[in-house]
C-alpha atoms as a PDB file:
ATOM      1  CA  MET A   1      -0.175  -0.021  -0.194  1.00  0.00           C
ATOM      2  CA  THR A   2       1.468   3.325  -1.142  1.00  0.00           C
ATOM      3  CA  THR A   3       2.065   5.980   1.997  1.00  0.00           C
ATOM      4  CA  VAL A   4       0.800   9.380   1.163  1.00  0.00           C
ATOM      5  CA  THR A   5       2.990  11.716   3.428  1.00  0.00           C
ATOM      6  CA  ASP A   6       1.158  14.418   5.199  1.00  0.00           C
ATOM      7  CA  LEU A   7       1.932  17.754   3.738  1.00  0.00           C
ATOM      8  CA  TYR A   8      -0.490  19.165   6.521  1.00  0.00           C
ATOM      9  CA  PRO A   9      -0.814  18.007   9.785  1.00  0.00           C
ATOM     10  CA  SER A  10      -4.160  18.425  12.189  1.00  0.00           C
ATOM     11  CA  ARG A  11      -6.046  17.090  14.956  1.00  0.00           C
ATOM     12  CA  GLY A  12      -2.371  17.007  17.742  1.00  0.00           C
ATOM     13  CA  ALA A  13      -1.914  18.433  20.543  1.00  0.00           C
ATOM     14  CA  THR A  14      -1.429  22.075  19.354  1.00  0.00           C
ATOM     15  CA  GLU A  15      -2.140  24.103  16.731  1.00  0.00           C
ATOM     16  CA  VAL A  16       0.357  24.710  13.747  1.00  0.00           C
ATOM     17  CA  SER A  17       0.213  26.782  11.211  1.00  0.00           C
ATOM     18  CA  VAL A  18       1.924  25.371   7.934  1.00  0.00           C
ATOM     19  CA  PRO A  19       2.662  27.650   4.616  1.00  0.00           C
ATOM     20  CA  ARG A  20       1.134  26.575   1.785  1.00  0.00           C
ATOM     21  CA  GLN A  21       2.968  23.829  -0.177  1.00  0.00           C
ATOM     22  CA  ASP A  22       0.406  23.936  -3.393  1.00  0.00           C
ATOM     23  CA  PRO A  23      -0.423  26.007  -6.001  1.00  0.00           C
ATOM     24  CA  VAL A  24      -3.249  27.838  -6.099  1.00  0.00           C
ATOM     25  CA  VAL A  25      -4.065  27.634  -9.986  1.00  0.00           C
ATOM     26  CA  TRP A  26      -3.179  24.477 -11.215  1.00  0.00           C
ATOM     27  CA  SER A  27      -3.554  25.176 -14.901  1.00  0.00           C
ATOM     28  CA  GLU A  28      -1.015  26.362 -17.050  1.00  0.00           C
ATOM     29  CA  PRO A  29      -1.062  30.285 -18.798  1.00  0.00           C
ATOM     30  CA  GLY A  30      -3.036  30.522 -21.418  1.00  0.00           C
ATOM     31  CA  ALA A  31      -4.961  27.513 -21.019  1.00  0.00           C
ATOM     32  CA  PRO A  32      -8.565  27.635 -22.008  1.00  0.00           C
ATOM     33  CA  GLY A  33     -11.607  28.824 -19.978  1.00  0.00           C
ATOM     34  CA  PRO A  34     -13.972  30.624 -19.197  1.00  0.00           C
ATOM     35  CA  ILE A  35     -11.822  33.112 -17.131  1.00  0.00           C
ATOM     36  CA  PRO A  36      -9.942  35.217 -18.008  1.00  0.00           C
ATOM     37  CA  ALA A  37      -6.352  35.683 -17.075  1.00  0.00           C
ATOM     38  CA  ASP A  38      -7.186  38.579 -14.843  1.00  0.00           C
ATOM     39  CA  GLY A  39      -9.122  36.740 -13.137  1.00  0.00           C
ATOM     40  CA  LEU A  40      -7.302  33.938 -11.824  1.00  0.00           C
ATOM     41  CA  ARG A  41      -4.729  36.531 -11.436  1.00  0.00           C
ATOM     42  CA  SER A  42      -7.468  37.778  -8.669  1.00  0.00           C
ATOM     43  CA  TYR A  43      -8.746  33.886  -7.889  1.00  0.00           C
ATOM     44  CA  GLU A  44      -4.884  33.484  -7.310  1.00  0.00           C
ATOM     45  CA  ARG A  45      -4.092  35.992  -5.389  1.00  0.00           C
ATOM     46  CA  ASP A  46      -7.242  36.348  -3.026  1.00  0.00           C
ATOM     47  CA  GLY A  47      -8.165  32.467  -2.979  1.00  0.00           C
ATOM     48  CA  PHE A  48     -12.006  32.896  -4.825  1.00  0.00           C
ATOM     49  CA  LEU A  49     -13.617  34.959  -7.734  1.00  0.00           C
ATOM     50  CA  THR A  50     -17.260  36.305  -8.271  1.00  0.00           C
ATOM     51  CA  VAL A  51     -19.513  36.152 -10.906  1.00  0.00           C
ATOM     52  CA  ASP A  52     -21.878  38.741 -11.248  1.00  0.00           C
ATOM     53  CA  ARG A  53     -24.258  36.470 -13.331  1.00  0.00           C
ATOM     54  CA  LEU A  54     -23.686  33.198 -12.991  1.00  0.00           C
ATOM     55  CA  ILE A  55     -27.511  32.266 -14.357  1.00  0.00           C
ATOM     56  CA  GLU A  56     -30.394  33.331 -15.080  1.00  0.00           C
ATOM     57  CA  ASP A  57     -33.526  34.845 -13.551  1.00  0.00           C
ATOM     58  CA  ASP A  58     -35.315  31.858 -14.969  1.00  0.00           C
ATOM     59  CA  GLU A  59     -32.765  29.696 -14.079  1.00  0.00           C
ATOM     60  CA  VAL A  60     -32.942  30.777 -10.957  1.00  0.00           C
ATOM     61  CA  ALA A  61     -36.553  30.237 -10.335  1.00  0.00           C
ATOM     62  CA  GLU A  62     -36.098  26.623 -11.821  1.00  0.00           C
ATOM     63  CA  TYR A  63     -33.273  26.008  -9.043  1.00  0.00           C
ATOM     64  CA  ARG A  64     -35.338  27.522  -6.565  1.00  0.00           C
ATOM     65  CA  ALA A  65     -38.693  25.361  -7.540  1.00  0.00           C
ATOM     66  CA  GLU A  66     -36.502  22.023  -6.555  1.00  0.00           C
ATOM     67  CA  LEU A  67     -35.076  23.542  -3.965  1.00  0.00           C
ATOM     68  CA  GLU A  68     -38.495  24.138  -2.055  1.00  0.00           C
ATOM     69  CA  ARG A  69     -39.875  20.542  -4.064  1.00  0.00           C
ATOM     70  CA  MET A  70     -37.070  18.734  -2.011  1.00  0.00           C
ATOM     71  CA  VAL A  71     -36.982  20.318   1.575  1.00  0.00           C
ATOM     72  CA  THR A  72     -40.573  19.483   1.877  1.00  0.00           C
ATOM     73  CA  ASP A  73     -40.435  16.412   1.132  1.00  0.00           C
ATOM     74  CA  PRO A  74     -41.100  14.430   3.954  1.00  0.00           C
ATOM     75  CA  ALA A  75     -39.453  11.042   1.826  1.00  0.00           C
ATOM     76  CA  VAL A  76     -36.006  14.085   1.654  1.00  0.00           C
ATOM     77  CA  ARG A  77     -36.063  14.779   5.279  1.00  0.00           C
ATOM     78  CA  ALA A  78     -35.762  11.806   6.670  1.00  0.00           C
ATOM     79  CA  ASP A  79     -32.788  10.863   4.315  1.00  0.00           C
ATOM     80  CA  GLU A  80     -29.449  10.665   6.602  1.00  0.00           C
ATOM     81  CA  ARG A  81     -28.724  12.414   3.800  1.00  0.00           C
ATOM     82  CA  SER A  82     -30.658  15.882   4.654  1.00  0.00           C
ATOM     83  CA  ILE A  83     -29.150  17.974   8.579  1.00  0.00           C
ATOM     84  CA  VAL A  84     -31.779  19.677  10.443  1.00  0.00           C
ATOM     85  CA  GLU A  85     -31.548  22.179  12.597  1.00  0.00           C
ATOM     86  CA  PRO A  86     -30.686  22.234  16.083  1.00  0.00           C
ATOM     87  CA  ALA A  87     -33.337  24.575  17.386  1.00  0.00           C
ATOM     88  CA  SER A  88     -36.398  25.063  14.998  1.00  0.00           C
ATOM     89  CA  GLN A  89     -35.840  21.247  13.706  1.00  0.00           C
ATOM     90  CA  GLU A  90     -36.001  22.952   9.899  1.00  0.00           C
ATOM     91  CA  ILE A  91     -33.838  21.754   7.875  1.00  0.00           C
ATOM     92  CA  ARG A  92     -30.645  23.472   7.105  1.00  0.00           C
ATOM     93  CA  SER A  93     -28.903  21.496   4.715  1.00  0.00           C
ATOM     94  CA  VAL A  94     -28.902  18.106   1.517  1.00  0.00           C
ATOM     95  CA  PHE A  95     -26.106  16.216   0.945  1.00  0.00           C
ATOM     96  CA  GLU A  96     -25.543  14.301  -2.655  1.00  0.00           C
ATOM     97  CA  VAL A  97     -28.127  16.521  -4.598  1.00  0.00           C
ATOM     98  CA  HIS A  98     -26.454  15.959  -7.647  1.00  0.00           C
ATOM     99  CA  ARG A  99     -26.932  12.355  -7.398  1.00  0.00           C
ATOM    100  CA  THR A 100     -30.711  12.947  -5.977  1.00  0.00           C
ATOM    101  CA  SER A 101     -31.868  15.529  -7.924  1.00  0.00           C
ATOM    102  CA  GLU A 102     -31.402  15.625 -11.885  1.00  0.00           C
ATOM    103  CA  VAL A 103     -32.255  19.410 -11.564  1.00  0.00           C
ATOM    104  CA  PHE A 104     -29.347  20.375  -9.548  1.00  0.00           C
ATOM    105  CA  ALA A 105     -27.533  17.071 -11.853  1.00  0.00           C
ATOM    106  CA  ARG A 106     -27.440  19.200 -14.715  1.00  0.00           C
ATOM    107  CA  LEU A 107     -26.386  22.428 -13.367  1.00  0.00           C
ATOM    108  CA  VAL A 108     -22.938  20.507 -11.969  1.00  0.00           C
ATOM    109  CA  ARG A 109     -22.251  19.587 -16.165  1.00  0.00           C
ATOM    110  CA  ASP A 110     -22.886  23.092 -16.888  1.00  0.00           C
ATOM    111  CA  GLU A 111     -20.009  24.093 -18.447  1.00  0.00           C
ATOM    112  CA  ARG A 112     -20.224  27.674 -16.614  1.00  0.00           C
ATOM    113  CA  VAL A 113     -19.569  25.482 -13.552  1.00  0.00           C
ATOM    114  CA  VAL A 114     -17.422  22.405 -14.203  1.00  0.00           C
ATOM    115  CA  GLY A 115     -15.390  24.433 -17.133  1.00  0.00           C
ATOM    116  CA  ARG A 116     -14.161  27.176 -14.042  1.00  0.00           C
ATOM    117  CA  ALA A 117     -13.324  23.873 -11.701  1.00  0.00           C
ATOM    118  CA  ARG A 118     -11.488  22.005 -14.708  1.00  0.00           C
ATOM    119  CA  GLN A 119      -9.953  25.323 -15.421  1.00  0.00           C
ATOM    120  CA  ILE A 120      -8.921  26.445 -11.654  1.00  0.00           C
ATOM    121  CA  LEU A 121      -7.292  22.887 -10.851  1.00  0.00           C
ATOM    122  CA  GLY A 122      -6.074  22.096 -14.325  1.00  0.00           C
ATOM    123  CA  SER A 123      -7.388  18.563 -15.249  1.00  0.00           C
ATOM    124  CA  ASP A 124     -10.312  16.340 -15.173  1.00  0.00           C
ATOM    125  CA  VAL A 125     -12.749  17.012 -11.662  1.00  0.00           C
ATOM    126  CA  TYR A 126     -15.151  15.139  -9.984  1.00  0.00           C
ATOM    127  CA  VAL A 127     -17.853  16.300  -7.407  1.00  0.00           C
ATOM    128  CA  HIS A 128     -16.707  15.357  -4.171  1.00  0.00           C
ATOM    129  CA  GLN A 129     -19.158  17.377  -2.523  1.00  0.00           C
ATOM    130  CA  SER A 130     -22.609  18.707  -2.841  1.00  0.00           C
ATOM    131  CA  ARG A 131     -25.398  20.461  -1.435  1.00  0.00           C
ATOM    132  CA  ILE A 132     -27.414  23.371  -0.811  1.00  0.00           C
ATOM    133  CA  ASN A 133     -27.746  25.280   2.523  1.00  0.00           C
ATOM    134  CA  VAL A 134     -31.008  26.972   2.998  1.00  0.00           C
ATOM    135  CA  LYS A 135     -30.711  29.710   5.831  1.00  0.00           C
ATOM    136  CA  PRO A 136     -34.409  31.049   6.578  1.00  0.00           C
ATOM    137  CA  GLY A 137     -35.184  34.602   7.913  1.00  0.00           C
ATOM    138  CA  PHE A 138     -35.446  35.079  11.841  1.00  0.00           C
ATOM    139  CA  GLY A 139     -32.836  33.156  13.816  1.00  0.00           C
ATOM    140  CA  ALA A 140     -31.013  30.218  11.495  1.00  0.00           C
ATOM    141  CA  SER A 141     -28.106  29.599  12.571  1.00  0.00           C
ATOM    142  CA  GLY A 142     -24.214  30.347  10.916  1.00  0.00           C
ATOM    143  CA  PHE A 143     -21.247  28.129   9.681  1.00  0.00           C
ATOM    144  CA  TYR A 144     -18.071  29.504  12.292  1.00  0.00           C
ATOM    145  CA  TRP A 145     -14.823  30.352  10.981  1.00  0.00           C
ATOM    146  CA  HIS A 146     -13.270  27.157   9.389  1.00  0.00           C
ATOM    147  CA  SER A 147     -10.607  26.095   6.513  1.00  0.00           C
ATOM    148  CA  ASP A 148     -12.696  23.475   4.260  1.00  0.00           C
ATOM    149  CA  PHE A 149      -9.775  21.741   3.638  1.00  0.00           C
ATOM    150  CA  GLU A 150      -8.445  20.861   6.717  1.00  0.00           C
ATOM    151  CA  THR A 151     -11.490  18.739   7.320  1.00  0.00           C
ATOM    152  CA  TRP A 152     -11.662  17.554   4.156  1.00  0.00           C
ATOM    153  CA  HIS A 153      -7.725  15.859   4.411  1.00  0.00           C
ATOM    154  CA  ALA A 154      -8.372  15.501   8.442  1.00  0.00           C
ATOM    155  CA  GLU A 155     -11.234  13.494   8.002  1.00  0.00           C
ATOM    156  CA  ASP A 156     -12.035  12.505   4.135  1.00  0.00           C
ATOM    157  CA  GLY A 157      -8.748  11.930   3.172  1.00  0.00           C
ATOM    158  CA  LEU A 158      -8.321  14.391   0.115  1.00  0.00           C
ATOM    159  CA  PRO A 159      -3.819  15.052   0.441  1.00  0.00           C
ATOM    160  CA  ASN A 160      -3.819  18.490  -2.077  1.00  0.00           C
ATOM    161  CA  MET A 161      -5.378  21.363  -1.794  1.00  0.00           C
ATOM    162  CA  ARG A 162      -6.274  20.727  -4.858  1.00  0.00           C
ATOM    163  CA  THR A 163      -9.920  21.249  -4.516  1.00  0.00           C
ATOM    164  CA  VAL A 164     -12.284  24.458  -5.658  1.00  0.00           C
ATOM    165  CA  SER A 165     -16.212  24.997  -3.892  1.00  0.00           C
ATOM    166  CA  VAL A 166     -19.225  27.589  -5.624  1.00  0.00           C
ATOM    167  CA  SER A 167     -21.411  28.751  -3.998  1.00  0.00           C
ATOM    168  CA  ILE A 168     -24.635  30.411  -6.150  1.00  0.00           C
ATOM    169  CA  ALA A 169     -26.420  32.260  -4.927  1.00  0.00           C
ATOM    170  CA  LEU A 170     -31.034  30.882  -5.092  1.00  0.00           C
ATOM    171  CA  THR A 171     -31.895  34.460  -3.264  1.00  0.00           C
ATOM    172  CA  GLU A 172     -30.830  37.999  -2.677  1.00  0.00           C
ATOM    173  CA  ASN A 173     -27.104  38.278  -0.717  1.00  0.00           C
ATOM    174  CA  TYR A 174     -27.790  41.389   1.203  1.00  0.00           C
ATOM    175  CA  ASP A 175     -25.356  42.487   3.787  1.00  0.00           C
ATOM    176  CA  THR A 176     -27.256  41.685   7.174  1.00  0.00           C
ATOM    177  CA  ASN A 177     -28.502  37.683   6.281  1.00  0.00           C
ATOM    178  CA  GLY A 178     -25.723  35.807   7.156  1.00  0.00           C
ATOM    179  CA  GLY A 179     -23.271  35.821   3.468  1.00  0.00           C
ATOM    180  CA  LEU A 180     -20.444  34.518   3.361  1.00  0.00           C
ATOM    181  CA  MET A 181     -17.498  35.789   5.334  1.00  0.00           C
ATOM    182  CA  ILE A 182     -14.333  34.936   3.890  1.00  0.00           C
ATOM    183  CA  MET A 183     -10.494  36.191   4.662  1.00  0.00           C
ATOM    184  CA  PRO A 184      -8.495  37.357   1.287  1.00  0.00           C
ATOM    185  CA  GLY A 185      -5.098  35.634   1.046  1.00  0.00           C
ATOM    186  CA  SER A 186      -5.881  32.909   3.850  1.00  0.00           C
ATOM    187  CA  HIS A 187      -5.500  29.945   0.984  1.00  0.00           C
ATOM    188  CA  ARG A 188      -1.796  30.953   1.927  1.00  0.00           C
ATOM    189  CA  THR A 189      -1.204  29.388   4.985  1.00  0.00           C
ATOM    190  CA  PHE A 190      -2.745  25.960   6.743  1.00  0.00           C
ATOM    191  CA  LEU A 191      -3.770  26.071  10.222  1.00  0.00           C
ATOM    192  CA  GLY A 192      -3.961  23.092  11.611  1.00  0.00           C
ATOM    193  CA  CYS A 193      -6.249  22.809  14.800  1.00  0.00           C
ATOM    194  CA  SER A 194      -5.438  20.808  18.028  1.00  0.00           C
ATOM    195  CA  GLY A 195      -7.131  17.973  19.527  1.00  0.00           C
ATOM    196  CA  ALA A 196      -8.346  14.630  18.815  1.00  0.00           C
ATOM    197  CA  THR A 197     -11.322  13.731  15.898  1.00  0.00           C
ATOM    198  CA  PRO A 198     -14.088  11.842  17.286  1.00  0.00           C
ATOM    199  CA  LYS A 199     -15.329   9.338  16.252  1.00  0.00           C
ATOM    200  CA  ASP A 200     -18.897  10.136  13.964  1.00  0.00           C
ATOM    201  CA  ASN A 201     -18.082  13.884  14.458  1.00  0.00           C
ATOM    202  CA  TYR A 202     -19.656  14.705  10.847  1.00  0.00           C
ATOM    203  CA  LYS A 203     -23.010  14.558  12.640  1.00  0.00           C
ATOM    204  CA  LYS A 204     -22.476  16.584  15.208  1.00  0.00           C
ATOM    205  CA  SER A 205     -19.932  19.186  13.111  1.00  0.00           C
ATOM    206  CA  LEU A 206     -22.895  19.844  10.514  1.00  0.00           C
ATOM    207  CA  GLN A 207     -25.276  21.091  12.878  1.00  0.00           C
ATOM    208  CA  MET A 208     -22.300  22.989  15.302  1.00  0.00           C
ATOM    209  CA  GLN A 209     -18.009  22.937  14.646  1.00  0.00           C
ATOM    210  CA  ASP A 210     -15.932  21.584  17.682  1.00  0.00           C
ATOM    211  CA  ALA A 211     -13.287  19.667  16.550  1.00  0.00           C
ATOM    212  CA  GLY A 212     -11.376  21.859  13.131  1.00  0.00           C
ATOM    213  CA  THR A 213     -12.120  24.717  14.884  1.00  0.00           C
ATOM    214  CA  PRO A 214      -9.452  26.896  14.512  1.00  0.00           C
ATOM    215  CA  SER A 215      -7.716  28.719  18.052  1.00  0.00           C
ATOM    216  CA  ASP A 216      -9.397  32.453  19.290  1.00  0.00           C
ATOM    217  CA  GLU A 217      -5.843  34.081  19.040  1.00  0.00           C
ATOM    218  CA  ALA A 218      -5.447  32.292  15.354  1.00  0.00           C
ATOM    219  CA  LEU A 219      -8.328  33.490  13.625  1.00  0.00           C
ATOM    220  CA  THR A 220      -7.279  37.450  15.925  1.00  0.00           C
ATOM    221  CA  ARG A 221      -4.083  36.971  13.813  1.00  0.00           C
ATOM    222  CA  PHE A 222      -5.412  35.432  10.411  1.00  0.00           C
ATOM    223  CA  ALA A 223      -7.859  38.289  10.219  1.00  0.00           C
ATOM    224  CA  SER A 224      -5.254  41.105  11.628  1.00  0.00           C
ATOM    225  CA  GLU A 225      -3.385  39.712   8.322  1.00  0.00           C
ATOM    226  CA  HIS A 226      -5.754  39.737   5.762  1.00  0.00           C
ATOM    227  CA  GLY A 227      -9.264  41.334   6.623  1.00  0.00           C
ATOM    228  CA  ILE A 228     -12.438  40.132   6.152  1.00  0.00           C
ATOM    229  CA  LYS A 229     -14.520  40.837   3.127  1.00  0.00           C
ATOM    230  CA  LEU A 230     -18.052  39.864   3.368  1.00  0.00           C
ATOM    231  CA  PHE A 231     -20.398  38.589  -0.062  1.00  0.00           C
ATOM    232  CA  THR A 232     -23.420  40.480  -1.067  1.00  0.00           C
ATOM    233  CA  GLY A 233     -25.154  39.839  -4.667  1.00  0.00           C
ATOM    234  CA  ARG A 234     -28.389  39.081  -6.648  1.00  0.00           C
ATOM    235  CA  ALA A 235     -29.735  35.241  -7.141  1.00  0.00           C
ATOM    236  CA  GLY A 236     -27.774  33.880  -9.392  1.00  0.00           C
ATOM    237  CA  SER A 237     -24.534  35.163  -8.114  1.00  0.00           C
ATOM    238  CA  ALA A 238     -21.842  33.114  -7.568  1.00  0.00           C
ATOM    239  CA  THR A 239     -18.370  32.667  -5.334  1.00  0.00           C
ATOM    240  CA  TRP A 240     -15.722  30.237  -6.190  1.00  0.00           C
ATOM    241  CA  PHE A 241     -12.990  30.054  -3.878  1.00  0.00           C
ATOM    242  CA  ASP A 242      -9.964  28.000  -2.654  1.00  0.00           C
ATOM    243  CA  CYS A 243     -10.456  25.211  -0.479  1.00  0.00           C
ATOM    244  CA  ASN A 244      -8.341  26.340   2.569  1.00  0.00           C
ATOM    245  CA  CYS A 245     -10.245  30.358   2.675  1.00  0.00           C
ATOM    246  CA  MET A 246     -10.858  30.971   5.874  1.00  0.00           C
ATOM    247  CA  HIS A 247     -14.737  32.278   6.369  1.00  0.00           C
ATOM    248  CA  GLY A 248     -17.687  31.340   7.648  1.00  0.00           C
ATOM    249  CA  SER A 249     -20.931  33.178   7.945  1.00  0.00           C
ATOM    250  CA  GLY A 250     -23.302  34.220  10.967  1.00  0.00           C
ATOM    251  CA  ASP A 251     -26.618  34.169  12.109  1.00  0.00           C
ATOM    252  CA  ASN A 252     -29.274  35.075  10.037  1.00  0.00           C
ATOM    253  CA  ILE A 253     -32.308  37.201  12.664  1.00  0.00           C
ATOM    254  CA  THR A 254     -33.472  38.960   9.317  1.00  0.00           C
ATOM    255  CA  PRO A 255     -36.618  38.207   7.663  1.00  0.00           C
ATOM    256  CA  PHE A 256     -35.423  37.481   4.466  1.00  0.00           C
ATOM    257  CA  PRO A 257     -34.040  34.506   3.329  1.00  0.00           C
ATOM    258  CA  ARG A 258     -30.360  33.245   2.192  1.00  0.00           C
ATOM    259  CA  SER A 259     -30.609  30.049   0.239  1.00  0.00           C
ATOM    260  CA  ASN A 260     -27.775  28.864  -1.740  1.00  0.00           C
ATOM    261  CA  VAL A 261     -26.811  25.642  -4.186  1.00  0.00           C
ATOM    262  CA  PHE A 262     -23.317  24.356  -3.743  1.00  0.00           C
ATOM    263  CA  ILE A 263     -21.118  22.181  -5.298  1.00  0.00           C
ATOM    264  CA  VAL A 264     -16.946  20.591  -4.718  1.00  0.00           C
ATOM    265  CA  PHE A 265     -15.404  20.262  -7.453  1.00  0.00           C
ATOM    266  CA  ASN A 266     -11.847  18.207  -6.960  1.00  0.00           C
ATOM    267  CA  SER A 267      -9.228  17.072  -9.169  1.00  0.00           C
ATOM    268  CA  VAL A 268      -9.313  13.656 -10.380  1.00  0.00           C
ATOM    269  CA  GLU A 269      -5.272  13.278  -9.929  1.00  0.00           C
ATOM    270  CA  ASN A 270      -5.535  14.468  -6.185  1.00  0.00           C
ATOM    271  CA  ALA A 271      -8.258  11.641  -5.387  1.00  0.00           C
ATOM    272  CA  ALA A 272      -8.964  10.890  -1.669  1.00  0.00           C
ATOM    273  CA  VAL A 273      -7.261   8.330   0.438  1.00  0.00           C
ATOM    274  CA  GLU A 274      -7.633   7.286   3.781  1.00  0.00           C
ATOM    275  CA  PRO A 275      -8.298  10.077   6.475  1.00  0.00           C
ATOM    276  CA  PHE A 276      -4.570  12.184   7.730  1.00  0.00           C
ATOM    277  CA  ALA A 277      -6.702  12.227  11.307  1.00  0.00           C
ATOM    278  CA  ALA A 278      -9.695  10.598  11.561  1.00  0.00           C
ATOM    279  CA  PRO A 279     -10.463   7.410  13.116  1.00  0.00           C
ATOM    280  CA  VAL A 280     -13.204   6.134  10.381  1.00  0.00           C
ATOM    281  CA  ARG A 281     -13.645   8.124   6.739  1.00  0.00           C
ATOM    282  CA  ARG A 282     -17.051  10.467   6.612  1.00  0.00           C
ATOM    283  CA  PRO A 283     -19.883   9.015   4.686  1.00  0.00           C
ATOM    284  CA  GLU A 284     -19.725   8.701   0.875  1.00  0.00           C
ATOM    285  CA  PHE A 285     -22.555  11.175   0.567  1.00  0.00           C
ATOM    286  CA  ILE A 286     -20.241  14.102   2.854  1.00  0.00           C
ATOM    287  CA  GLY A 287     -16.906  12.702   1.361  1.00  0.00           C
ATOM    288  CA  ALA A 288     -17.028  11.573  -1.935  1.00  0.00           C
ATOM    289  CA  ARG A 289     -15.053   7.673  -3.124  1.00  0.00           C
ATOM    290  CA  ASP A 290     -16.524   8.031  -6.484  1.00  0.00           C
ATOM    291  CA  PHE A 291     -13.422   9.951  -8.489  1.00  0.00           C
ATOM    292  CA  THR A 292     -15.847   9.152 -11.749  1.00  0.00           C
ATOM    293  CA  PRO A 293     -15.349  12.594 -13.737  1.00  0.00           C
ATOM    294  CA  VAL A 294     -17.655  15.386 -14.602  1.00  0.00           C
ATOM    295  CA  GLY A 295     -19.094  14.793 -18.713  1.00  0.00           C
END
């Protein structure tokens, strides 16, 4: 069995900072794709890229209707792929939607979506994770600060930072309804968190994070160095961001809901191995083990 070097140690006795060992943009300069050269340079520098109008209003309506269908379907709610809010018991997220919904499967295959992933990652890609996130008004909880890669490396076994996420807004993102926040440039430093990973940690972490949470001191240092950008935009806008960006979102206490489709593309050349810092793999609906490229 081939041993894979752990470039990014985490979940040990102490918190550690490690300079990024991987490229941010993996494609060769001038490689074809929908992202212009200045957009790739911005992505490499900041760790994210925004598209003001990725999909049109009629498409937004179709995807929003499918989201509503899914979150109101008793069978979907009863499925283990649905995560509910601890307080309200309303659905917070539904995972693996590219497999359970042909509507969202088409979105994953859309060249406007997968084409950008291939261009950033410099290879064919597969879906490591997909989900719809529902953040209704009047108290939907946020996601605390974290690096996705820290979790995907520790608990899913992704060896390298060759993974990109896209969040496609299905409702207006105001500056008040719990929008995505990213620390620009934070993707260039890996923060290995302290503390062992409990078995079946995902059951708790998808509602409220614990393991893999950065310290207040580290977050203060990162925010002082990089600042914080809050993302706003119309329904149909999209934000692409590197797997190691430090990001989070606040609670939504406004009357205005915030819903999105979240798709994680991983390079087929970065397929998951055994977890680097967890006793068992997470379920495949959270961390895929089918590495078939998106067609």
